[in-house]
């Protein structure tokens, strides 16, 4: 079952990236006049804007990725009755 989950996980990852990008744009337009955070090598960008943009992107991408990945795994478990990811037993076996 875990093998069948891989293509779904890839599709969910693409969806999560797209969703996160839209969220970053929506949030950033409330912070600054630009649509997206500045690139770190943009000369006119201040340190504060560059670091705030990087922090926002990191938080949003991580939270969206975790939410979509966890939701996908729970959906697979609900449909198949089998958890597609790692379990506590897997971690104990690997540690032994």
PDB file of N, CA and C in Angstrom:
ATOM      1  N   UNK A   1       0.828  -1.191   0.000  1.00  0.00           N
ATOM      2  CA  UNK A   1       0.000   0.000   0.000  1.00  0.00           C
ATOM      3  C   UNK A   1       0.873   1.257   0.000  1.00  0.00           C
ATOM      4  N   UNK A   2       2.016   1.197   0.667  1.00  0.00           N
ATOM      5  CA  UNK A   2       2.885   2.372   0.723  1.00  0.00           C
ATOM      6  C   UNK A   2       3.386   2.755  -0.666  1.00  0.00           C
ATOM      7  N   UNK A   3       3.560   1.767  -1.532  1.00  0.00           N
ATOM      8  CA  UNK A   3       4.016   2.036  -2.892  1.00  0.00           C
ATOM      9  C   UNK A   3       2.976   2.842  -3.669  1.00  0.00           C
ATOM     10  N   UNK A   4       1.713   2.539  -3.462  1.00  0.00           N
ATOM     11  CA  UNK A   4       0.639   3.264  -4.143  1.00  0.00           C
ATOM     12  C   UNK A   4       0.480   4.683  -3.605  1.00  0.00           C
ATOM     13  N   UNK A   5       0.920   4.905  -2.391  1.00  0.00           N
ATOM     14  CA  UNK A   5       0.800   6.226  -1.775  1.00  0.00           C
ATOM     15  C   UNK A   5       1.793   7.225  -2.374  1.00  0.00           C
ATOM     16  N   UNK A   6       2.911   6.746  -2.898  1.00  0.00           N
ATOM     17  CA  UNK A   6       3.959   7.637  -3.418  1.00  0.00           C
ATOM     18  C   UNK A   6       3.447   8.593  -4.502  1.00  0.00           C
ATOM     19  N   UNK A   7       2.737   8.104  -5.546  1.00  0.00           N
ATOM     20  CA  UNK A   7       2.237   9.050  -6.553  1.00  0.00           C
ATOM     21  C   UNK A   7       1.262  10.072  -5.966  1.00  0.00           C
ATOM     22  N   UNK A   8       0.440   9.639  -5.027  1.00  0.00           N
ATOM     23  CA  UNK A   8      -0.483  10.560  -4.374  1.00  0.00           C
ATOM     24  C   UNK A   8       0.296  11.609  -3.588  1.00  0.00           C
ATOM     25  N   UNK A   9       1.337  11.188  -2.904  1.00  0.00           N
ATOM     26  CA  UNK A   9       2.150  12.114  -2.115  1.00  0.00           C
ATOM     27  C   UNK A   9       2.825  13.148  -3.016  1.00  0.00           C
ATOM     28  N   UNK A  10       3.259  12.731  -4.189  1.00  0.00           N
ATOM     29  CA  UNK A  10       3.878  13.667  -5.135  1.00  0.00           C
ATOM     30  C   UNK A  10       2.857  14.702  -5.594  1.00  0.00           C
ATOM     31  N   UNK A  11       1.666  14.235  -5.955  1.00  0.00           N
ATOM     32  CA  UNK A  11       0.608  15.154  -6.387  1.00  0.00           C
ATOM     33  C   UNK A  11       0.226  16.109  -5.260  1.00  0.00           C
ATOM     34  N   UNK A  12       0.134  15.594  -4.048  1.00  0.00           N
ATOM     35  CA  UNK A  12      -0.191  16.443  -2.901  1.00  0.00           C
ATOM     36  C   UNK A  12       0.905  17.474  -2.651  1.00  0.00           C
ATOM     37  N   UNK A  13       2.156  17.085  -2.863  1.00  0.00           N
ATOM     38  CA  UNK A  13       3.270  18.014  -2.693  1.00  0.00           C
ATOM     39  C   UNK A  13       3.208  19.166  -3.686  1.00  0.00           C
ATOM     40  N   UNK A  14       2.856  18.862  -4.924  1.00  0.00           N
ATOM     41  CA  UNK A  14       2.716  19.907  -5.942  1.00  0.00           C
ATOM     42  C   UNK A  14       1.575  20.843  -5.569  1.00  0.00           C
ATOM     43  N   UNK A  15       0.459  20.261  -5.145  1.00  0.00           N
ATOM     44  CA  UNK A  15      -0.688  21.060  -4.715  1.00  0.00           C
ATOM     45  C   UNK A  15      -0.312  21.948  -3.531  1.00  0.00           C
ATOM     46  N   UNK A  16       0.403  21.387  -2.570  1.00  0.00           N
ATOM     47  CA  UNK A  16       0.796  22.142  -1.373  1.00  0.00           C
ATOM     48  C   UNK A  16       1.694  23.319  -1.740  1.00  0.00           C
ATOM     49  N   UNK A  17       2.633  23.105  -2.654  1.00  0.00           N
ATOM     50  CA  UNK A  17       3.513  24.189  -3.081  1.00  0.00           C
ATOM     51  C   UNK A  17       2.749  25.322  -3.744  1.00  0.00           C
ATOM     52  N   UNK A  18       1.794  24.955  -4.574  1.00  0.00           N
ATOM     53  CA  UNK A  18       0.973  25.964  -5.247  1.00  0.00           C
ATOM     54  C   UNK A  18       0.127  26.744  -4.245  1.00  0.00           C
ATOM     55  N   UNK A  19      -0.495  26.024  -3.330  1.00  0.00           N
ATOM     56  CA  UNK A  19      -1.319  26.662  -2.305  1.00  0.00           C
ATOM     57  C   UNK A  19      -0.475  27.582  -1.418  1.00  0.00           C
ATOM     58  N   UNK A  20       0.692  27.108  -1.023  1.00  0.00           N
ATOM     59  CA  UNK A  20       1.567  27.912  -0.165  1.00  0.00           C
ATOM     60  C   UNK A  20       2.009  29.187  -0.876  1.00  0.00           C
ATOM     61  N   UNK A  21       2.333  29.081  -2.153  1.00  0.00           N
ATOM     62  CA  UNK A  21       2.731  30.259  -2.917  1.00  0.00           C
ATOM     63  C   UNK A  21       1.629  31.312  -2.958  1.00  0.00           C
ATOM     64  N   UNK A  22       0.396  30.861  -3.138  1.00  0.00           N
ATOM     65  CA  UNK A  22      -0.740  31.794  -3.157  1.00  0.00           C
ATOM     66  C   UNK A  22      -0.949  32.428  -1.783  1.00  0.00           C
ATOM     67  N   UNK A  23      -0.784  31.632  -0.734  1.00  0.00           N
ATOM     68  CA  UNK A  23      -0.932  32.175   0.616  1.00  0.00           C
ATOM     69  C   UNK A  23       0.144  33.216   0.923  1.00  0.00           C
ATOM     70  N   UNK A  24       1.372  32.928   0.540  1.00  0.00           N
ATOM     71  CA  UNK A  24       2.465  33.881   0.774  1.00  0.00           C
ATOM     72  C   UNK A  24       2.165  35.193   0.052  1.00  0.00           C
ATOM     73  N   UNK A  25       1.721  35.103  -1.193  1.00  0.00           N
ATOM     74  CA  UNK A  25       1.392  36.313  -1.950  1.00  0.00           C
ATOM     75  C   UNK A  25       0.275  37.095  -1.275  1.00  0.00           C
ATOM     76  N   UNK A  26      -0.766  36.395  -0.841  1.00  0.00           N
ATOM     77  CA  UNK A  26      -1.895  37.055  -0.183  1.00  0.00           C
ATOM     78  C   UNK A  26      -1.458  37.754   1.098  1.00  0.00           C
ATOM     79  N   UNK A  27      -0.672  37.066   1.906  1.00  0.00           N
ATOM     80  CA  UNK A  27      -0.216  37.644   3.172  1.00  0.00           C
ATOM     81  C   UNK A  27       0.757  38.792   2.917  1.00  0.00           C
ATOM     82  N   UNK A  28       1.690  38.606   1.978  1.00  0.00           N
ATOM     83  CA  UNK A  28       2.726  39.608   1.746  1.00  0.00           C
ATOM     84  C   UNK A  28       2.141  40.916   1.230  1.00  0.00           C
ATOM     85  N   UNK A  29       1.073  40.856   0.432  1.00  0.00           N
ATOM     86  CA  UNK A  29       0.480  42.094  -0.081  1.00  0.00           C
ATOM     87  C   UNK A  29      -0.090  42.952   1.045  1.00  0.00           C
ATOM     88  N   UNK A  30      -0.338  42.359   2.198  1.00  0.00           N
ATOM     89  CA  UNK A  30      -0.808  43.123   3.359  1.00  0.00           C
ATOM     90  C   UNK A  30       0.361  43.748   4.131  1.00  0.00           C
ATOM     91  N   UNK A  31       1.575  43.229   3.899  1.00  0.00           N
ATOM     92  CA  UNK A  31       2.772  43.704   4.592  1.00  0.00           C
ATOM     93  C   UNK A  31       3.498  44.774   3.780  1.00  0.00           C
ATOM     94  N   UNK A  32       3.537  44.583   2.464  1.00  0.00           N
ATOM     95  CA  UNK A  32       4.342  45.435   1.596  1.00  0.00           C
ATOM     96  C   UNK A  32       3.558  45.743   0.320  1.00  0.00           C
ATOM     97  N   UNK A  33       4.001  46.737  -0.422  1.00  0.00           N
ATOM     98  CA  UNK A  33       3.329  47.107  -1.668  1.00  0.00           C
ATOM     99  C   UNK A  33       3.580  46.107  -2.793  1.00  0.00           C
ATOM    100  N   UNK A  34       4.631  45.313  -2.682  1.00  0.00           N
ATOM    101  CA  UNK A  34       4.947  44.317  -3.707  1.00  0.00           C
ATOM    102  C   UNK A  34       4.100  43.066  -3.517  1.00  0.00           C
ATOM    103  N   UNK A  35       3.956  42.300  -4.611  1.00  0.00           N
ATOM    104  CA  UNK A  35       3.165  41.068  -4.548  1.00  0.00           C
ATOM    105  C   UNK A  35       3.900  39.924  -3.862  1.00  0.00           C
ATOM    106  N   UNK A  36       5.205  39.931  -3.948  1.00  0.00           N
ATOM    107  CA  UNK A  36       6.001  38.837  -3.383  1.00  0.00           C
ATOM    108  C   UNK A  36       7.133  39.410  -2.534  1.00  0.00           C
ATOM    109  N   UNK A  37       7.639  38.619  -1.592  1.00  0.00           N
ATOM    110  CA  UNK A  37       8.786  39.078  -0.802  1.00  0.00           C
ATOM    111  C   UNK A  37       9.993  39.334  -1.711  1.00  0.00           C
ATOM    112  N   UNK A  38      10.869  40.247  -1.322  1.00  0.00           N
ATOM    113  CA  UNK A  38      12.023  40.563  -2.170  1.00  0.00           C
ATOM    114  C   UNK A  38      13.042  39.423  -2.187  1.00  0.00           C
ATOM    115  N   UNK A  39      13.761  39.349  -3.296  1.00  0.00           N
ATOM    116  CA  UNK A  39      14.875  38.406  -3.374  1.00  0.00           C
ATOM    117  C   UNK A  39      15.999  38.924  -2.489  1.00  0.00           C
ATOM    118  N   UNK A  40      16.755  38.028  -1.862  1.00  0.00           N
ATOM    119  CA  UNK A  40      17.853  38.466  -0.993  1.00  0.00           C
ATOM    120  C   UNK A  40      18.918  39.286  -1.723  1.00  0.00           C
ATOM    121  N   UNK A  41      19.055  39.067  -3.035  1.00  0.00           N
ATOM    122  CA  UNK A  41      20.082  39.813  -3.769  1.00  0.00           C
ATOM    123  C   UNK A  41      19.539  41.079  -4.438  1.00  0.00           C
ATOM    124  N   UNK A  42      18.320  41.453  -4.127  1.00  0.00           N
ATOM    125  CA  UNK A  42      17.745  42.701  -4.647  1.00  0.00           C
ATOM    126  C   UNK A  42      18.344  43.872  -3.875  1.00  0.00           C
ATOM    127  N   UNK A  43      19.058  44.737  -4.564  1.00  0.00           N
ATOM    128  CA  UNK A  43      19.823  45.805  -3.912  1.00  0.00           C
ATOM    129  C   UNK A  43      18.959  46.724  -3.059  1.00  0.00           C
ATOM    130  N   UNK A  44      17.777  47.075  -3.541  1.00  0.00           N
ATOM    131  CA  UNK A  44      16.939  48.047  -2.846  1.00  0.00           C
ATOM    132  C   UNK A  44      16.214  47.464  -1.632  1.00  0.00           C
ATOM    133  N   UNK A  45      16.201  46.173  -1.494  1.00  0.00           N
ATOM    134  CA  UNK A  45      15.481  45.530  -0.385  1.00  0.00           C
ATOM    135  C   UNK A  45      16.237  45.720   0.927  1.00  0.00           C
ATOM    136  N   UNK A  46      15.501  46.013   1.970  1.00  0.00           N
ATOM    137  CA  UNK A  46      16.128  46.152   3.286  1.00  0.00           C
ATOM    138  C   UNK A  46      16.317  44.773   3.909  1.00  0.00           C
ATOM    139  N   UNK A  47      17.208  44.702   4.871  1.00  0.00           N
ATOM    140  CA  UNK A  47      17.410  43.452   5.606  1.00  0.00           C
ATOM    141  C   UNK A  47      16.105  42.998   6.249  1.00  0.00           C
ATOM    142  N   UNK A  48      15.386  43.939   6.819  1.00  0.00           N
ATOM    143  CA  UNK A  48      14.142  43.594   7.510  1.00  0.00           C
ATOM    144  C   UNK A  48      13.146  42.937   6.561  1.00  0.00           C
ATOM    145  N   UNK A  49      12.978  43.497   5.362  1.00  0.00           N
ATOM    146  CA  UNK A  49      12.035  42.909   4.407  1.00  0.00           C
ATOM    147  C   UNK A  49      12.509  41.552   3.897  1.00  0.00           C
ATOM    148  N   UNK A  50      13.798  41.440   3.628  1.00  0.00           N
ATOM    149  CA  UNK A  50      14.336  40.162   3.141  1.00  0.00           C
ATOM    150  C   UNK A  50      14.134  39.066   4.187  1.00  0.00           C
ATOM    151  N   UNK A  51      14.481  39.359   5.438  1.00  0.00           N
ATOM    152  CA  UNK A  51      14.347  38.347   6.491  1.00  0.00           C
ATOM    153  C   UNK A  51      12.889  38.056   6.824  1.00  0.00           C
ATOM    154  N   UNK A  52      12.053  39.077   6.821  1.00  0.00           N
ATOM    155  CA  UNK A  52      10.623  38.854   7.069  1.00  0.00           C
ATOM    156  C   UNK A  52      10.017  37.998   5.964  1.00  0.00           C
ATOM    157  N   UNK A  53      10.402  38.270   4.732  1.00  0.00           N
ATOM    158  CA  UNK A  53       9.901  37.472   3.610  1.00  0.00           C
ATOM    159  C   UNK A  53      10.348  36.026   3.690  1.00  0.00           C
ATOM    160  N   UNK A  54      11.606  35.813   4.033  1.00  0.00           N
ATOM    161  CA  UNK A  54      12.121  34.446   4.158  1.00  0.00           C
ATOM    162  C   UNK A  54      11.423  33.698   5.290  1.00  0.00           C
ATOM    163  N   UNK A  55      11.217  34.374   6.405  1.00  0.00           N
ATOM    164  CA  UNK A  55      10.535  33.740   7.540  1.00  0.00           C
ATOM    165  C   UNK A  55       9.093  33.395   7.179  1.00  0.00           C
ATOM    166  N   UNK A  56       8.409  34.310   6.528  1.00  0.00           N
ATOM    167  CA  UNK A  56       7.023  34.053   6.127  1.00  0.00           C
ATOM    168  C   UNK A  56       6.945  32.868   5.177  1.00  0.00           C
ATOM    169  N   UNK A  57       7.808  32.845   4.182  1.00  0.00           N
ATOM    170  CA  UNK A  57       7.803  31.737   3.232  1.00  0.00           C
ATOM    171  C   UNK A  57       8.090  30.409   3.927  1.00  0.00           C
ATOM    172  N   UNK A  58       9.066  30.393   4.807  1.00  0.00           N
ATOM    173  CA  UNK A  58       9.408  29.159   5.507  1.00  0.00           C
ATOM    174  C   UNK A  58       8.267  28.630   6.348  1.00  0.00           C
ATOM    175  N   UNK A  59       7.637  29.508   7.100  1.00  0.00           N
ATOM    176  CA  UNK A  59       6.525  29.089   7.963  1.00  0.00           C
ATOM    177  C   UNK A  59       5.351  28.604   7.130  1.00  0.00           C
ATOM    178  N   UNK A  60       4.961  29.387   6.135  1.00  0.00           N
ATOM    179  CA  UNK A  60       3.786  29.024   5.334  1.00  0.00           C
ATOM    180  C   UNK A  60       4.022  27.715   4.592  1.00  0.00           C
ATOM    181  N   UNK A  61       5.162  27.566   3.924  1.00  0.00           N
ATOM    182  CA  UNK A  61       5.427  26.340   3.174  1.00  0.00           C
ATOM    183  C   UNK A  61       5.468  25.121   4.098  1.00  0.00           C
ATOM    184  N   UNK A  62       6.086  25.240   5.247  1.00  0.00           N
ATOM    185  CA  UNK A  62       6.176  24.107   6.175  1.00  0.00           C
ATOM    186  C   UNK A  62       4.816  23.703   6.723  1.00  0.00           C
ATOM    187  N   UNK A  63       4.019  24.679   7.116  1.00  0.00           N
ATOM    188  CA  UNK A  63       2.703  24.374   7.688  1.00  0.00           C
ATOM    189  C   UNK A  63       1.772  23.793   6.629  1.00  0.00           C
ATOM    190  N   UNK A  64       1.769  24.372   5.436  1.00  0.00           N
ATOM    191  CA  UNK A  64       0.899  23.855   4.373  1.00  0.00           C
ATOM    192  C   UNK A  64       1.333  22.452   3.969  1.00  0.00           C
ATOM    193  N   UNK A  65       2.632  22.233   3.829  1.00  0.00           N
ATOM    194  CA  UNK A  65       3.133  20.908   3.452  1.00  0.00           C
ATOM    195  C   UNK A  65       2.735  19.861   4.486  1.00  0.00           C
ATOM    196  N   UNK A  66       2.937  20.163   5.755  1.00  0.00           N
ATOM    197  CA  UNK A  66       2.589  19.213   6.815  1.00  0.00           C
ATOM    198  C   UNK A  66       1.089  18.949   6.849  1.00  0.00           C
ATOM    199  N   UNK A  67       0.288  19.992   6.667  1.00  0.00           N
ATOM    200  CA  UNK A  67      -1.165  19.840   6.693  1.00  0.00           C
ATOM    201  C   UNK A  67      -1.648  18.963   5.549  1.00  0.00           C
ATOM    202  N   UNK A  68      -1.164  19.228   4.347  1.00  0.00           N
ATOM    203  CA  UNK A  68      -1.599  18.464   3.179  1.00  0.00           C
ATOM    204  C   UNK A  68      -1.097  17.025   3.253  1.00  0.00           C
ATOM    205  N   UNK A  69       0.150  16.842   3.673  1.00  0.00           N
ATOM    206  CA  UNK A  69       0.711  15.491   3.765  1.00  0.00           C
ATOM    207  C   UNK A  69      -0.024  14.655   4.813  1.00  0.00           C
ATOM    208  N   UNK A  70      -0.283  15.252   5.964  1.00  0.00           N
ATOM    209  CA  UNK A  70      -0.990  14.546   7.038  1.00  0.00           C
ATOM    210  C   UNK A  70      -2.426  14.227   6.617  1.00  0.00           C
ATOM    211  N   UNK A  71      -3.093  15.191   5.994  1.00  0.00           N
ATOM    212  CA  UNK A  71      -4.455  14.964   5.521  1.00  0.00           C
ATOM    213  C   UNK A  71      -4.518  13.869   4.473  1.00  0.00           C
ATOM    214  N   UNK A  72      -3.544  13.840   3.577  1.00  0.00           N
ATOM    215  CA  UNK A  72      -3.496  12.787   2.562  1.00  0.00           C
ATOM    216  C   UNK A  72      -3.297  11.415   3.176  1.00  0.00           C
ATOM    217  N   UNK A  73      -2.407  11.331   4.154  1.00  0.00           N
ATOM    218  CA  UNK A  73      -2.165  10.047   4.825  1.00  0.00           C
ATOM    219  C   UNK A  73      -3.413   9.579   5.568  1.00  0.00           C
ATOM    220  N   UNK A  74      -4.101  10.500   6.227  1.00  0.00           N
ATOM    221  CA  UNK A  74      -5.331  10.124   6.931  1.00  0.00           C
ATOM    222  C   UNK A  74      -6.414   9.698   5.947  1.00  0.00           C
ATOM    223  N   UNK A  75      -6.479  10.354   4.799  1.00  0.00           N
ATOM    224  CA  UNK A  75      -7.444   9.960   3.775  1.00  0.00           C
ATOM    225  C   UNK A  75      -7.176   8.559   3.257  1.00  0.00           C
ATOM    226  N   UNK A  76      -5.907   8.242   3.012  1.00  0.00           N
ATOM    227  CA  UNK A  76      -5.540   6.898   2.554  1.00  0.00           C
ATOM    228  C   UNK A  76      -5.891   5.870   3.618  1.00  0.00           C
ATOM    229  N   UNK A  77      -5.611   6.194   4.878  1.00  0.00           N
ATOM    230  CA  UNK A  77      -5.938   5.262   5.960  1.00  0.00           C
ATOM    231  C   UNK A  77      -7.445   5.034   6.039  1.00  0.00           C
ATOM    232  N   UNK A  78      -8.210   6.083   5.855  1.00  0.00           N
ATOM    233  CA  UNK A  78      -9.665   5.956   5.932  1.00  0.00           C
ATOM    234  C   UNK A  78     -10.195   5.058   4.810  1.00  0.00           C
ATOM    235  N   UNK A  79      -9.618   5.186   3.614  1.00  0.00           N
ATOM    236  CA  UNK A  79     -10.079   4.410   2.462  1.00  0.00           C
ATOM    237  C   UNK A  79      -9.580   2.969   2.514  1.00  0.00           C
ATOM    238  N   UNK A  80      -8.307   2.781   2.901  1.00  0.00           N
ATOM    239  CA  UNK A  80      -7.700   1.448   2.826  1.00  0.00           C
ATOM    240  C   UNK A  80      -7.609   0.726   4.156  1.00  0.00           C
ATOM    241  N   UNK A  81      -7.677   1.470   5.251  1.00  0.00           N
ATOM    242  CA  UNK A  81      -7.509   0.859   6.569  1.00  0.00           C
ATOM    243  C   UNK A  81      -6.052   0.675   6.966  1.00  0.00           C
ATOM    244  N   UNK A  82      -5.134   1.144   6.130  1.00  0.00           N
ATOM    245  CA  UNK A  82      -3.703   1.001   6.392  1.00  0.00           C
ATOM    246  C   UNK A  82      -3.041   2.369   6.369  1.00  0.00           C
ATOM    247  N   UNK A  83      -2.213   2.637   7.385  1.00  0.00           N
ATOM    248  CA  UNK A  83      -1.482   3.901   7.435  1.00  0.00           C
ATOM    249  C   UNK A  83      -0.335   3.836   6.432  1.00  0.00           C
ATOM    250  N   UNK A  84      -0.227   4.812   5.503  1.00  0.00           N
ATOM    251  CA  UNK A  84       0.790   4.736   4.456  1.00  0.00           C
ATOM    252  C   UNK A  84       2.187   5.191   4.879  1.00  0.00           C
ATOM    253  N   UNK A  85       2.300   5.836   6.009  1.00  0.00           N
ATOM    254  CA  UNK A  85       3.594   6.358   6.448  1.00  0.00           C
ATOM    255  C   UNK A  85       4.222   5.505   7.523  1.00  0.00           C
ATOM    256  N   UNK A  86       5.134   6.103   8.257  1.00  0.00           N
ATOM    257  CA  UNK A  86       5.830   5.402   9.332  1.00  0.00           C
ATOM    258  C   UNK A  86       4.930   5.283  10.551  1.00  0.00           C
ATOM    259  N   UNK A  87       5.155   4.218  11.300  1.00  0.00           N
ATOM    260  CA  UNK A  87       4.431   4.000  12.550  1.00  0.00           C
ATOM    261  C   UNK A  87       5.441   3.883  13.684  1.00  0.00           C
ATOM    262  N   UNK A  88       4.952   3.846  14.908  1.00  0.00           N
ATOM    263  CA  UNK A  88       5.837   3.693  16.070  1.00  0.00           C
ATOM    264  C   UNK A  88       6.604   2.377  15.981  1.00  0.00           C
ATOM    265  N   UNK A  89       5.967   1.333  15.455  1.00  0.00           N
ATOM    266  CA  UNK A  89       6.646   0.042  15.300  1.00  0.00           C
ATOM    267  C   UNK A  89       7.821   0.152  14.328  1.00  0.00           C
ATOM    268  N   UNK A  90       7.639   0.915  13.252  1.00  0.00           N
ATOM    269  CA  UNK A  90       8.726   1.113  12.292  1.00  0.00           C
ATOM    270  C   UNK A  90       9.918   1.792  12.956  1.00  0.00           C
ATOM    271  N   UNK A  91       9.646   2.786  13.786  1.00  0.00           N
ATOM    272  CA  UNK A  91      10.715   3.518  14.461  1.00  0.00           C
ATOM    273  C   UNK A  91      11.440   2.648  15.476  1.00  0.00           C
ATOM    274  N   UNK A  92      10.692   1.804  16.189  1.00  0.00           N
ATOM    275  CA  UNK A  92      11.314   0.899  17.163  1.00  0.00           C
ATOM    276  C   UNK A  92      12.191  -0.124  16.462  1.00  0.00           C
ATOM    277  N   UNK A  93      11.729  -0.644  15.330  1.00  0.00           N
ATOM    278  CA  UNK A  93      12.499  -1.626  14.574  1.00  0.00           C
ATOM    279  C   UNK A  93      13.786  -1.000  14.049  1.00  0.00           C
ATOM    280  N   UNK A  94      13.702   0.217  13.571  1.00  0.00           N
ATOM    281  CA  UNK A  94      14.881   0.902  13.038  1.00  0.00           C
ATOM    282  C   UNK A  94      15.896   1.203  14.136  1.00  0.00           C
ATOM    283  N   UNK A  95      15.414   1.488  15.350  1.00  0.00           N
ATOM    284  CA  UNK A  95      16.305   1.822  16.461  1.00  0.00           C
ATOM    285  C   UNK A  95      16.992   0.586  17.030  1.00  0.00           C
ATOM    286  N   UNK A  96      16.406  -0.566  16.838  1.00  0.00           N
ATOM    287  CA  UNK A  96      16.956  -1.796  17.428  1.00  0.00           C
ATOM    288  C   UNK A  96      18.149  -2.317  16.694  1.00  0.00           C
TER     289      UNK A  96
END
